[in-house]
C-alpha atoms as a PDB file:
ATOM      1  CA  MET A   1      23.580   2.459   8.085  1.00  0.00           C
ATOM      2  CA  HIS A   2      24.666   4.467   5.118  1.00  0.00           C
ATOM      3  CA  HIS A   3      21.714   6.000   2.389  1.00  0.00           C
ATOM      4  CA  ASP A   4      22.876   6.367  -1.123  1.00  0.00           C
ATOM      5  CA  VAL A   5      20.900  10.085  -1.156  1.00  0.00           C
ATOM      6  CA  ARG A   6      22.727  10.564  -4.899  1.00  0.00           C
ATOM      7  CA  ARG A   7      20.480   7.949  -6.757  1.00  0.00           C
ATOM      8  CA  PRO A   8      16.426   8.138  -6.428  1.00  0.00           C
ATOM      9  CA  SER A   9      14.491   5.704  -4.374  1.00  0.00           C
ATOM     10  CA  VAL A  10      10.612   4.720  -4.950  1.00  0.00           C
ATOM     11  CA  ALA A  11      10.122   6.190  -1.635  1.00  0.00           C
ATOM     12  CA  ARG A  12      11.284   9.013  -1.640  1.00  0.00           C
ATOM     13  CA  ILE A  13       9.655   9.976  -4.655  1.00  0.00           C
ATOM     14  CA  TYR A  14       6.357   8.935  -3.148  1.00  0.00           C
ATOM     15  CA  ASP A  15       7.052  10.682  -0.030  1.00  0.00           C
ATOM     16  CA  TRP A  16       7.818  14.082  -2.041  1.00  0.00           C
ATOM     17  CA  LEU A  17       4.330  13.509  -3.863  1.00  0.00           C
ATOM     18  CA  ILE A  18       2.160  13.042  -0.895  1.00  0.00           C
ATOM     19  CA  GLY A  19       4.266  16.539   0.871  1.00  0.00           C
ATOM     20  CA  GLY A  20       7.031  14.857   2.810  1.00  0.00           C
ATOM     21  CA  ILE A  21      10.312  16.291   4.046  1.00  0.00           C
ATOM     22  CA  ASP A  22      12.458  12.830   3.557  1.00  0.00           C
ATOM     23  CA  ASN A  23      13.324  13.378  -0.087  1.00  0.00           C
ATOM     24  CA  TYR A  24      16.559  15.128  -2.229  1.00  0.00           C
ATOM     25  CA  PRO A  25      17.359  16.601  -5.238  1.00  0.00           C
ATOM     26  CA  PRO A  26      17.537  13.807  -7.217  1.00  0.00           C
ATOM     27  CA  ASP A  27      14.029  12.542  -6.194  1.00  0.00           C
ATOM     28  CA  GLN A  28      12.423  15.613  -6.710  1.00  0.00           C
ATOM     29  CA  GLN A  29      14.111  15.847 -10.347  1.00  0.00           C
ATOM     30  CA  VAL A  30      12.369  12.820 -10.900  1.00  0.00           C
ATOM     31  CA  CYS A  31       9.115  14.122  -9.900  1.00  0.00           C
ATOM     32  CA  ARG A  32       9.279  16.975 -11.726  1.00  0.00           C
ATOM     33  CA  GLU A  33       9.704  14.666 -15.026  1.00  0.00           C
ATOM     34  CA  LEU A  34       6.509  12.875 -13.781  1.00  0.00           C
ATOM     35  CA  LEU A  35       4.547  15.633 -13.479  1.00  0.00           C
ATOM     36  CA  ASP A  36       5.433  16.598 -16.989  1.00  0.00           C
ATOM     37  CA  ILE A  37       3.991  13.318 -18.046  1.00  0.00           C
ATOM     38  CA  ALA A  38       0.592  13.355 -15.842  1.00  0.00           C
ATOM     39  CA  PRO A  39       0.592  16.738 -13.732  1.00  0.00           C
ATOM     40  CA  GLY A  40      -2.598  14.872 -11.565  1.00  0.00           C
ATOM     41  CA  SER A  41       0.275  12.361 -10.217  1.00  0.00           C
ATOM     42  CA  ARG A  42       0.355  14.601  -6.498  1.00  0.00           C
ATOM     43  CA  ALA A  43      -3.264  14.820  -6.359  1.00  0.00           C
ATOM     44  CA  VAL A  44      -3.457  11.097  -6.872  1.00  0.00           C
ATOM     45  CA  ALA A  45      -1.129   9.645  -4.184  1.00  0.00           C
ATOM     46  CA  ARG A  46      -2.791  12.152  -1.885  1.00  0.00           C
ATOM     47  CA  THR A  47      -5.795  10.523  -2.519  1.00  0.00           C
ATOM     48  CA  ASN A  48      -3.598   6.908  -2.369  1.00  0.00           C
ATOM     49  CA  ARG A  49      -2.381   7.847   0.827  1.00  0.00           C
ATOM     50  CA  ALA A  50      -6.086   9.011   2.114  1.00  0.00           C
ATOM     51  CA  PHE A  51      -7.746   5.963   0.781  1.00  0.00           C
ATOM     52  CA  LEU A  52      -4.840   3.598   2.987  1.00  0.00           C
ATOM     53  CA  SER A  53      -6.141   5.457   6.129  1.00  0.00           C
ATOM     54  CA  ARG A  54      -9.996   5.389   5.270  1.00  0.00           C
ATOM     55  CA  VAL A  55      -9.278   1.393   4.817  1.00  0.00           C
ATOM     56  CA  VAL A  56      -7.713   0.357   7.813  1.00  0.00           C
ATOM     57  CA  GLU A  57     -10.265   2.654  10.035  1.00  0.00           C
ATOM     58  CA  VAL A  58     -13.320   0.917   8.530  1.00  0.00           C
ATOM     59  CA  LEU A  59     -11.408  -2.850   8.648  1.00  0.00           C
ATOM     60  CA  ALA A  60     -10.643  -2.078  12.517  1.00  0.00           C
ATOM     61  CA  ARG A  61     -14.109  -0.269  13.084  1.00  0.00           C
ATOM     62  CA  GLU A  62     -16.147  -1.842  11.008  1.00  0.00           C
ATOM     63  CA  TYR A  63     -15.046  -5.302  10.872  1.00  0.00           C
ATOM     64  CA  GLY A  64     -13.383  -5.964  13.738  1.00  0.00           C
ATOM     65  CA  VAL A  65      -9.580  -6.562  12.127  1.00  0.00           C
ATOM     66  CA  ARG A  66      -6.524  -6.268  14.725  1.00  0.00           C
ATOM     67  CA  GLN A  67      -3.768  -7.396  12.727  1.00  0.00           C
ATOM     68  CA  PHE A  68      -2.315  -5.496   9.911  1.00  0.00           C
ATOM     69  CA  LEU A  69       0.585  -6.315   7.770  1.00  0.00           C
ATOM     70  CA  GLU A  70       1.533  -3.586   5.416  1.00  0.00           C
ATOM     71  CA  HIS A  71       3.954  -4.580   2.206  1.00  0.00           C
ATOM     72  CA  GLY A  72       5.639  -2.067   1.126  1.00  0.00           C
ATOM     73  CA  CYS A  73       4.991   0.851   3.625  1.00  0.00           C
ATOM     74  CA  GLY A  74       7.495   3.608   2.560  1.00  0.00           C
ATOM     75  CA  LEU A  75       8.295   6.677   4.864  1.00  0.00           C
ATOM     76  CA  PRO A  76       6.531   6.867   7.722  1.00  0.00           C
ATOM     77  CA  ALA A  77       3.894   9.806   7.115  1.00  0.00           C
ATOM     78  CA  ARG A  78       0.608  11.660   8.555  1.00  0.00           C
ATOM     79  CA  ASP A  79      -2.018   8.855  10.232  1.00  0.00           C
ATOM     80  CA  ASN A  80       0.469   5.772   9.424  1.00  0.00           C
ATOM     81  CA  VAL A  81      -1.902   2.428   9.509  1.00  0.00           C
ATOM     82  CA  HIS A  82      -0.653   1.612  13.724  1.00  0.00           C
ATOM     83  CA  GLU A  83      -1.612   5.121  13.793  1.00  0.00           C
ATOM     84  CA  VAL A  84      -4.919   5.044  12.654  1.00  0.00           C
ATOM     85  CA  ALA A  85      -5.467   1.458  13.863  1.00  0.00           C
ATOM     86  CA  GLN A  86      -4.638   1.710  17.183  1.00  0.00           C
ATOM     87  CA  ARG A  87      -6.547   4.856  17.895  1.00  0.00           C
ATOM     88  CA  ILE A  88      -9.617   2.685  17.177  1.00  0.00           C
ATOM     89  CA  ALA A  89      -8.298  -0.295  19.079  1.00  0.00           C
ATOM     90  CA  PRO A  90      -5.264   0.036  21.152  1.00  0.00           C
ATOM     91  CA  GLU A  91      -4.485  -3.507  21.065  1.00  0.00           C
ATOM     92  CA  SER A  92      -4.379  -3.319  17.512  1.00  0.00           C
ATOM     93  CA  ARG A  93      -1.035  -5.326  16.016  1.00  0.00           C
ATOM     94  CA  VAL A  94       0.484  -3.885  12.747  1.00  0.00           C
ATOM     95  CA  VAL A  95       4.139  -5.218  10.895  1.00  0.00           C
ATOM     96  CA  TYR A  96       5.582  -2.819   8.275  1.00  0.00           C
ATOM     97  CA  VAL A  97       7.630  -4.703   5.247  1.00  0.00           C
ATOM     98  CA  ASP A  98      10.406  -2.938   3.556  1.00  0.00           C
ATOM     99  CA  ASN A  99      13.796  -3.512   2.322  1.00  0.00           C
ATOM    100  CA  ASP A 100      14.902   0.256   1.389  1.00  0.00           C
ATOM    101  CA  PRO A 101      17.039   0.644   4.233  1.00  0.00           C
ATOM    102  CA  LEU A 102      16.075   4.283   4.734  1.00  0.00           C
ATOM    103  CA  VAL A 103      12.649   3.765   5.592  1.00  0.00           C
ATOM    104  CA  VAL A 104      13.630   0.658   7.447  1.00  0.00           C
ATOM    105  CA  ALA A 105      15.721   3.120   9.962  1.00  0.00           C
ATOM    106  CA  HIS A 106      12.803   6.051   9.820  1.00  0.00           C
ATOM    107  CA  ALA A 107      10.155   3.630  10.636  1.00  0.00           C
ATOM    108  CA  ARG A 108      11.983   2.053  13.781  1.00  0.00           C
ATOM    109  CA  ALA A 109      12.975   5.337  15.174  1.00  0.00           C
ATOM    110  CA  ARG A 110       9.158   6.128  15.015  1.00  0.00           C
ATOM    111  CA  LEU A 111       8.285   2.981  16.578  1.00  0.00           C
ATOM    112  CA  VAL A 112      10.814   2.480  19.290  1.00  0.00           C
ATOM    113  CA  GLU A 113       8.576   2.195  22.129  1.00  0.00           C
ATOM    114  CA  ASN A 114       5.446   0.606  20.561  1.00  0.00           C
ATOM    115  CA  CYS A 115       5.287  -2.987  21.107  1.00  0.00           C
ATOM    116  CA  ARG A 116       2.429  -4.250  19.032  1.00  0.00           C
ATOM    117  CA  THR A 117       4.165  -2.679  16.093  1.00  0.00           C
ATOM    118  CA  ALA A 118       7.045  -3.370  14.314  1.00  0.00           C
ATOM    119  CA  VAL A 119       9.179  -3.025  10.833  1.00  0.00           C
ATOM    120  CA  VAL A 120      10.980  -6.008   9.094  1.00  0.00           C
ATOM    121  CA  ASN A 121      13.417  -5.432   7.030  1.00  0.00           C
ATOM    122  CA  ALA A 122      12.422  -7.726   4.028  1.00  0.00           C
ATOM    123  CA  ASP A 123      11.703  -8.427   0.118  1.00  0.00           C
ATOM    124  CA  VAL A 124       8.011  -8.339  -0.225  1.00  0.00           C
ATOM    125  CA  ARG A 125       8.434 -10.700  -2.916  1.00  0.00           C
ATOM    126  CA  ASP A 126       9.758 -13.574   0.004  1.00  0.00           C
ATOM    127  CA  THR A 127       6.677 -14.412   1.241  1.00  0.00           C
ATOM    128  CA  GLU A 128       8.345 -17.302   3.004  1.00  0.00           C
ATOM    129  CA  ALA A 129      11.161 -15.122   4.688  1.00  0.00           C
ATOM    130  CA  VAL A 130       8.439 -12.059   5.953  1.00  0.00           C
ATOM    131  CA  PHE A 131       6.092 -14.859   7.341  1.00  0.00           C
ATOM    132  CA  ALA A 132       9.329 -16.483   9.087  1.00  0.00           C
ATOM    133  CA  ASP A 133      10.097 -13.132  10.349  1.00  0.00           C
ATOM    134  CA  PRO A 134      10.134 -13.207  14.668  1.00  0.00           C
ATOM    135  CA  ALA A 135       8.030  -9.976  14.586  1.00  0.00           C
ATOM    136  CA  VAL A 136       5.685 -11.526  11.843  1.00  0.00           C
ATOM    137  CA  ARG A 137       4.919 -14.314  14.337  1.00  0.00           C
ATOM    138  CA  ARG A 138       4.786 -12.071  17.367  1.00  0.00           C
ATOM    139  CA  LEU A 139       2.460  -9.935  16.135  1.00  0.00           C
ATOM    140  CA  ILE A 140       0.164 -11.904  13.513  1.00  0.00           C
ATOM    141  CA  ARG A 141      -1.732 -14.814  14.658  1.00  0.00           C
ATOM    142  CA  PRO A 142      -2.719 -17.326  11.681  1.00  0.00           C
ATOM    143  CA  ALA A 143      -5.720 -18.415  13.413  1.00  0.00           C
ATOM    144  CA  GLU A 144      -6.794 -14.504  13.011  1.00  0.00           C
ATOM    145  CA  PRO A 145      -8.438 -12.411  10.261  1.00  0.00           C
ATOM    146  CA  THR A 146      -5.518 -10.234   8.873  1.00  0.00           C
ATOM    147  CA  ALA A 147      -5.671  -6.867   6.422  1.00  0.00           C
ATOM    148  CA  ALA A 148      -3.113  -7.834   3.856  1.00  0.00           C
ATOM    149  CA  LEU A 149      -2.175  -3.969   2.523  1.00  0.00           C
ATOM    150  CA  PHE A 150      -1.083  -3.902  -1.010  1.00  0.00           C
ATOM    151  CA  VAL A 151      -0.906  -0.083  -1.129  1.00  0.00           C
ATOM    152  CA  SER A 152       1.196   1.677  -4.265  1.00  0.00           C
ATOM    153  CA  VAL A 153       3.584  -1.401  -3.892  1.00  0.00           C
ATOM    154  CA  SER A 154       2.226  -3.805  -6.938  1.00  0.00           C
ATOM    155  CA  GLN A 155       3.775  -0.959  -9.745  1.00  0.00           C
ATOM    156  CA  CYS A 156       6.938  -1.125  -8.512  1.00  0.00           C
ATOM    157  CA  LEU A 157       6.650  -4.931  -9.291  1.00  0.00           C
ATOM    158  CA  ARG A 158       6.967  -7.332 -12.588  1.00  0.00           C
ATOM    159  CA  ASP A 159       3.543  -9.051 -13.276  1.00  0.00           C
ATOM    160  CA  GLU A 160       4.853 -12.590 -12.640  1.00  0.00           C
ATOM    161  CA  GLU A 161       6.105 -10.887  -9.250  1.00  0.00           C
ATOM    162  CA  VAL A 162       3.110  -9.423  -8.008  1.00  0.00           C
ATOM    163  CA  SER A 163       1.138 -12.300  -8.863  1.00  0.00           C
ATOM    164  CA  ARG A 164       2.838 -14.602  -7.140  1.00  0.00           C
ATOM    165  CA  MET A 165       2.990 -12.600  -3.974  1.00  0.00           C
ATOM    166  CA  ILE A 166      -0.946 -12.068  -4.049  1.00  0.00           C
ATOM    167  CA  GLU A 167      -1.060 -15.772  -3.952  1.00  0.00           C
ATOM    168  CA  GLN A 168       1.761 -16.947  -1.652  1.00  0.00           C
ATOM    169  CA  VAL A 169      -0.215 -14.217   0.943  1.00  0.00           C
ATOM    170  CA  LYS A 170      -3.584 -15.273   0.490  1.00  0.00           C
ATOM    171  CA  GLU A 171      -1.971 -19.093   1.584  1.00  0.00           C
ATOM    172  CA  ARG A 172      -1.334 -17.774   4.759  1.00  0.00           C
ATOM    173  CA  LEU A 173      -4.221 -15.885   5.833  1.00  0.00           C
ATOM    174  CA  ALA A 174      -6.653 -16.918   7.833  1.00  0.00           C
ATOM    175  CA  PRO A 175     -10.391 -17.235   6.005  1.00  0.00           C
ATOM    176  CA  GLY A 176     -12.147 -14.092   6.238  1.00  0.00           C
ATOM    177  CA  SER A 177      -9.017 -12.001   6.244  1.00  0.00           C
ATOM    178  CA  PHE A 178      -8.630  -8.829   3.540  1.00  0.00           C
ATOM    179  CA  LEU A 179      -6.258  -7.894   0.815  1.00  0.00           C
ATOM    180  CA  VAL A 180      -6.204  -4.365   0.293  1.00  0.00           C
ATOM    181  CA  MET A 181      -5.027  -3.690  -3.225  1.00  0.00           C
ATOM    182  CA  CYS A 182      -3.829   0.334  -5.044  1.00  0.00           C
ATOM    183  CA  GLN A 183      -2.263   0.693  -8.061  1.00  0.00           C
ATOM    184  CA  PHE A 184      -1.785   3.864  -9.634  1.00  0.00           C
ATOM    185  CA  THR A 185      -3.339   3.221 -13.156  1.00  0.00           C
ATOM    186  CA  SER A 186      -4.456   4.610 -16.389  1.00  0.00           C
ATOM    187  CA  PRO A 187      -6.406   4.487 -19.362  1.00  0.00           C
ATOM    188  CA  ASP A 188      -3.669   6.375 -21.667  1.00  0.00           C
ATOM    189  CA  PRO A 189      -0.899   4.180 -23.515  1.00  0.00           C
ATOM    190  CA  ALA A 190       1.539   6.942 -23.936  1.00  0.00           C
ATOM    191  CA  VAL A 191       0.902   8.160 -20.418  1.00  0.00           C
ATOM    192  CA  ARG A 192       1.783   4.310 -19.188  1.00  0.00           C
ATOM    193  CA  GLU A 193       4.716   3.994 -21.331  1.00  0.00           C
ATOM    194  CA  GLN A 194       6.467   7.003 -20.652  1.00  0.00           C
ATOM    195  CA  VAL A 195       5.699   6.650 -16.523  1.00  0.00           C
ATOM    196  CA  THR A 196       6.926   3.411 -16.611  1.00  0.00           C
ATOM    197  CA  ALA A 197      10.134   4.207 -18.390  1.00  0.00           C
ATOM    198  CA  LEU A 198      10.696   7.196 -16.154  1.00  0.00           C
ATOM    199  CA  MET A 199      10.497   4.940 -13.162  1.00  0.00           C
ATOM    200  CA  ARG A 200      12.604   2.159 -14.698  1.00  0.00           C
ATOM    201  CA  LYS A 201      15.300   4.483 -15.414  1.00  0.00           C
ATOM    202  CA  ALA A 202      15.198   6.219 -12.256  1.00  0.00           C
ATOM    203  CA  THR A 203      15.462   2.676  -9.909  1.00  0.00           C
ATOM    204  CA  SER A 204      18.024   1.551 -12.309  1.00  0.00           C
ATOM    205  CA  GLY A 205      15.194  -1.402 -13.282  1.00  0.00           C
ATOM    206  CA  GLY A 206      13.762  -1.297  -9.678  1.00  0.00           C
ATOM    207  CA  TRP A 207       9.905  -0.845 -10.773  1.00  0.00           C
ATOM    208  CA  GLY A 208       7.569  -3.012 -12.522  1.00  0.00           C
ATOM    209  CA  ARG A 209       5.007  -1.065 -14.617  1.00  0.00           C
ATOM    210  CA  LEU A 210       1.863   1.436 -15.179  1.00  0.00           C
ATOM    211  CA  ARG A 211      -1.001  -0.975 -15.613  1.00  0.00           C
ATOM    212  CA  GLU A 212      -4.448  -0.965 -16.970  1.00  0.00           C
ATOM    213  CA  ALA A 213      -7.316  -0.436 -14.252  1.00  0.00           C
ATOM    214  CA  GLU A 214      -8.670  -4.026 -15.580  1.00  0.00           C
ATOM    215  CA  GLU A 215      -5.254  -5.385 -14.603  1.00  0.00           C
ATOM    216  CA  VAL A 216      -5.629  -4.756 -11.347  1.00  0.00           C
ATOM    217  CA  ARG A 217      -8.939  -5.864 -11.169  1.00  0.00           C
ATOM    218  CA  GLY A 218      -7.450  -9.226 -11.529  1.00  0.00           C
ATOM    219  CA  TYR A 219      -5.312  -9.200  -8.815  1.00  0.00           C
ATOM    220  CA  LEU A 220      -8.696  -9.345  -6.446  1.00  0.00           C
ATOM    221  CA  ALA A 221      -9.866 -11.885  -8.521  1.00  0.00           C
ATOM    222  CA  GLY A 222     -12.569 -14.557  -6.536  1.00  0.00           C
ATOM    223  CA  LEU A 223     -12.444 -12.683  -3.234  1.00  0.00           C
ATOM    224  CA  ASP A 224     -15.458 -11.073  -1.933  1.00  0.00           C
ATOM    225  CA  ILE A 225     -15.352  -7.324  -2.717  1.00  0.00           C
ATOM    226  CA  ILE A 226     -16.176  -4.805   0.222  1.00  0.00           C
ATOM    227  CA  GLY A 227     -17.360  -1.037   0.532  1.00  0.00           C
ATOM    228  CA  PRO A 228     -17.928   0.976  -2.618  1.00  0.00           C
ATOM    229  CA  GLY A 229     -16.431  -1.945  -4.665  1.00  0.00           C
ATOM    230  CA  LEU A 230     -13.580  -1.524  -6.708  1.00  0.00           C
ATOM    231  CA  GLY A 231     -11.993   1.394  -9.156  1.00  0.00           C
ATOM    232  CA  ASP A 232     -11.427   5.223  -8.471  1.00  0.00           C
ATOM    233  CA  VAL A 233      -9.651   4.741  -4.515  1.00  0.00           C
ATOM    234  CA  ALA A 234     -11.489   8.253  -4.189  1.00  0.00           C
ATOM    235  CA  ASP A 235     -14.703   6.833  -3.791  1.00  0.00           C
ATOM    236  CA  TRP A 236     -13.533   5.468  -0.821  1.00  0.00           C
ATOM    237  CA  LEU A 237     -13.216   8.818   1.369  1.00  0.00           C
ATOM    238  CA  PRO A 238     -15.960   9.667   3.092  1.00  0.00           C
ATOM    239  CA  ASP A 239     -16.116  12.805   1.833  1.00  0.00           C
ATOM    240  CA  ARG A 240     -14.467  13.157  -1.972  1.00  0.00           C
ATOM    241  CA  PRO A 241     -12.690  16.263  -2.376  1.00  0.00           C
ATOM    242  CA  ARG A 242     -13.729  19.075  -5.206  1.00  0.00           C
ATOM    243  CA  GLY A 243     -11.805  18.166  -8.035  1.00  0.00           C
ATOM    244  CA  ILE A 244     -10.218  15.130  -7.416  1.00  0.00           C
ATOM    245  CA  ARG A 245     -11.037  13.624 -10.563  1.00  0.00           C
ATOM    246  CA  ALA A 246      -9.513  16.269 -12.440  1.00  0.00           C
ATOM    247  CA  HIS A 247      -6.553  14.794 -13.846  1.00  0.00           C
ATOM    248  CA  GLU A 248      -8.095  10.819 -14.095  1.00  0.00           C
ATOM    249  CA  ALA A 249      -7.811  10.722 -18.152  1.00  0.00           C
ATOM    250  CA  GLU A 250      -3.952  10.512 -17.254  1.00  0.00           C
ATOM    251  CA  LEU A 251      -3.697   8.938 -14.004  1.00  0.00           C
ATOM    252  CA  ILE A 252      -5.951   6.971 -11.196  1.00  0.00           C
ATOM    253  CA  ALA A 253      -5.279   5.281  -7.931  1.00  0.00           C
ATOM    254  CA  TRP A 254      -7.195   2.137  -8.669  1.00  0.00           C
ATOM    255  CA  GLY A 255      -8.246  -0.718  -6.337  1.00  0.00           C
ATOM    256  CA  GLY A 256     -10.237  -1.936  -3.510  1.00  0.00           C
ATOM    257  CA  VAL A 257     -10.629  -4.264  -1.024  1.00  0.00           C
ATOM    258  CA  GLY A 258     -11.071  -7.878  -1.509  1.00  0.00           C
ATOM    259  CA  ARG A 259     -12.164 -10.716   1.569  1.00  0.00           C
ATOM    260  CA  LEU A 260     -11.273 -14.327   1.415  1.00  0.00           C
ATOM    261  CA  PRO A 261     -13.719 -16.563   1.801  1.00  0.00           C
ATOM    262  CA  GLY A 262     -14.863 -18.488   4.757  1.00  0.00           C
ATOM    263  CA  GLN A 263     -15.331 -17.518   8.005  1.00  0.00           C
ATOM    264  CA  SER A 264     -12.959 -16.588  10.691  1.00  0.00           C
ATOM    265  CA  SER A 265     -12.606 -17.380  14.242  1.00  0.00           C
ATOM    266  CA  SER A 266     -13.251 -13.634  15.539  1.00  0.00           C
ATOM    267  CA  SER A 267     -16.579 -11.768  14.991  1.00  0.00           C
ATOM    268  CA  GLU A 268     -16.746  -9.339  13.135  1.00  0.00           C
ATOM    269  CA  VAL A 269     -18.121  -5.762  14.455  1.00  0.00           C
ATOM    270  CA  ALA A 270     -20.608  -5.045  11.361  1.00  0.00           C
ATOM    271  CA  SER A 271     -21.624  -6.430   8.189  1.00  0.00           C
ATOM    272  CA  ARG A 272     -20.471  -3.305   5.957  1.00  0.00           C
ATOM    273  CA  PRO A 273     -18.329  -0.162   6.322  1.00  0.00           C
ATOM    274  CA  SER A 274     -20.628   2.749   6.935  1.00  0.00           C
END
C-alpha cells in the first residue's frame, strides 16, 4: 500500500506530539509551527493520550464495559485501547475505525494475532458503513453497553459532521452505553483562529476547527456525566503531573464521559469510578 509521506497527516502530526516515531519531515514542520502558536501542544497531546487510557481502564474495571469502538484511532502507540481493556478483562472486544491508509496498515500489523480486536477502514462520518462492517457486527453486540470513543477526532470534522456523527452513533448504542469525548480547545480566539488556519492548510481542508470548551460540552448534552465531570481531562488522571496546566490559557484537552440513559443488559461492576 502506498502512503504519500510528502503531505502532512493528522495522525502523524499527533504521533509526533506524543513522542512517536511514525512521522516525517512535513509532519514535523507543521508541529514546529503549531508549537510557535501554542507551546503547550505537546503536553496537552500527551495529557489527551493519558486520558484515553485512564477512561478505558475505569470503564472496563469499574463499569464492566467489555466492548469499545474507537473513532479515528490514529497510529498505534503505547497502551492502546485493546491493551488496556484486555489487561483488565481478556474477553474485552475492541474495534478501531480510521480511514488513513497508514494508520490502518500499522494497526492491522499490530493486531494480526488478536481475534477480539479489529481495524475497520472507514470514514468515521459514515456511521451506517461503520456499523455495517463485518468486524463491527462480529465484535460489537448491539444489546450490550458499548464505550464509543471520540478522542481527538471531533476537531478534525466540521460542526455539522460532528453533531450528525454523535447522534447517529447514539441511535445505535444500547441503553447504558458510554460516549467518551475529548478535543483540543482554547479560550483564546486568536489561538483558535491560528491553529485552525494552520491545520486546514496543512491537511488541504481535512480538518474542522479548534473550538471553545462549551461547544464540546454540547456534544454530551442529555447524558449522565460520570467521573470528575467535564473539563480539563487531566482531572481524569489519578496523579496529575506537576505543571500539567502550565499552558491551559492557550490550549486545553477538554472533555469527559457521558452515559446514555436506561438500563443495559449487563450488570456493571460498580456504581462509580475510583
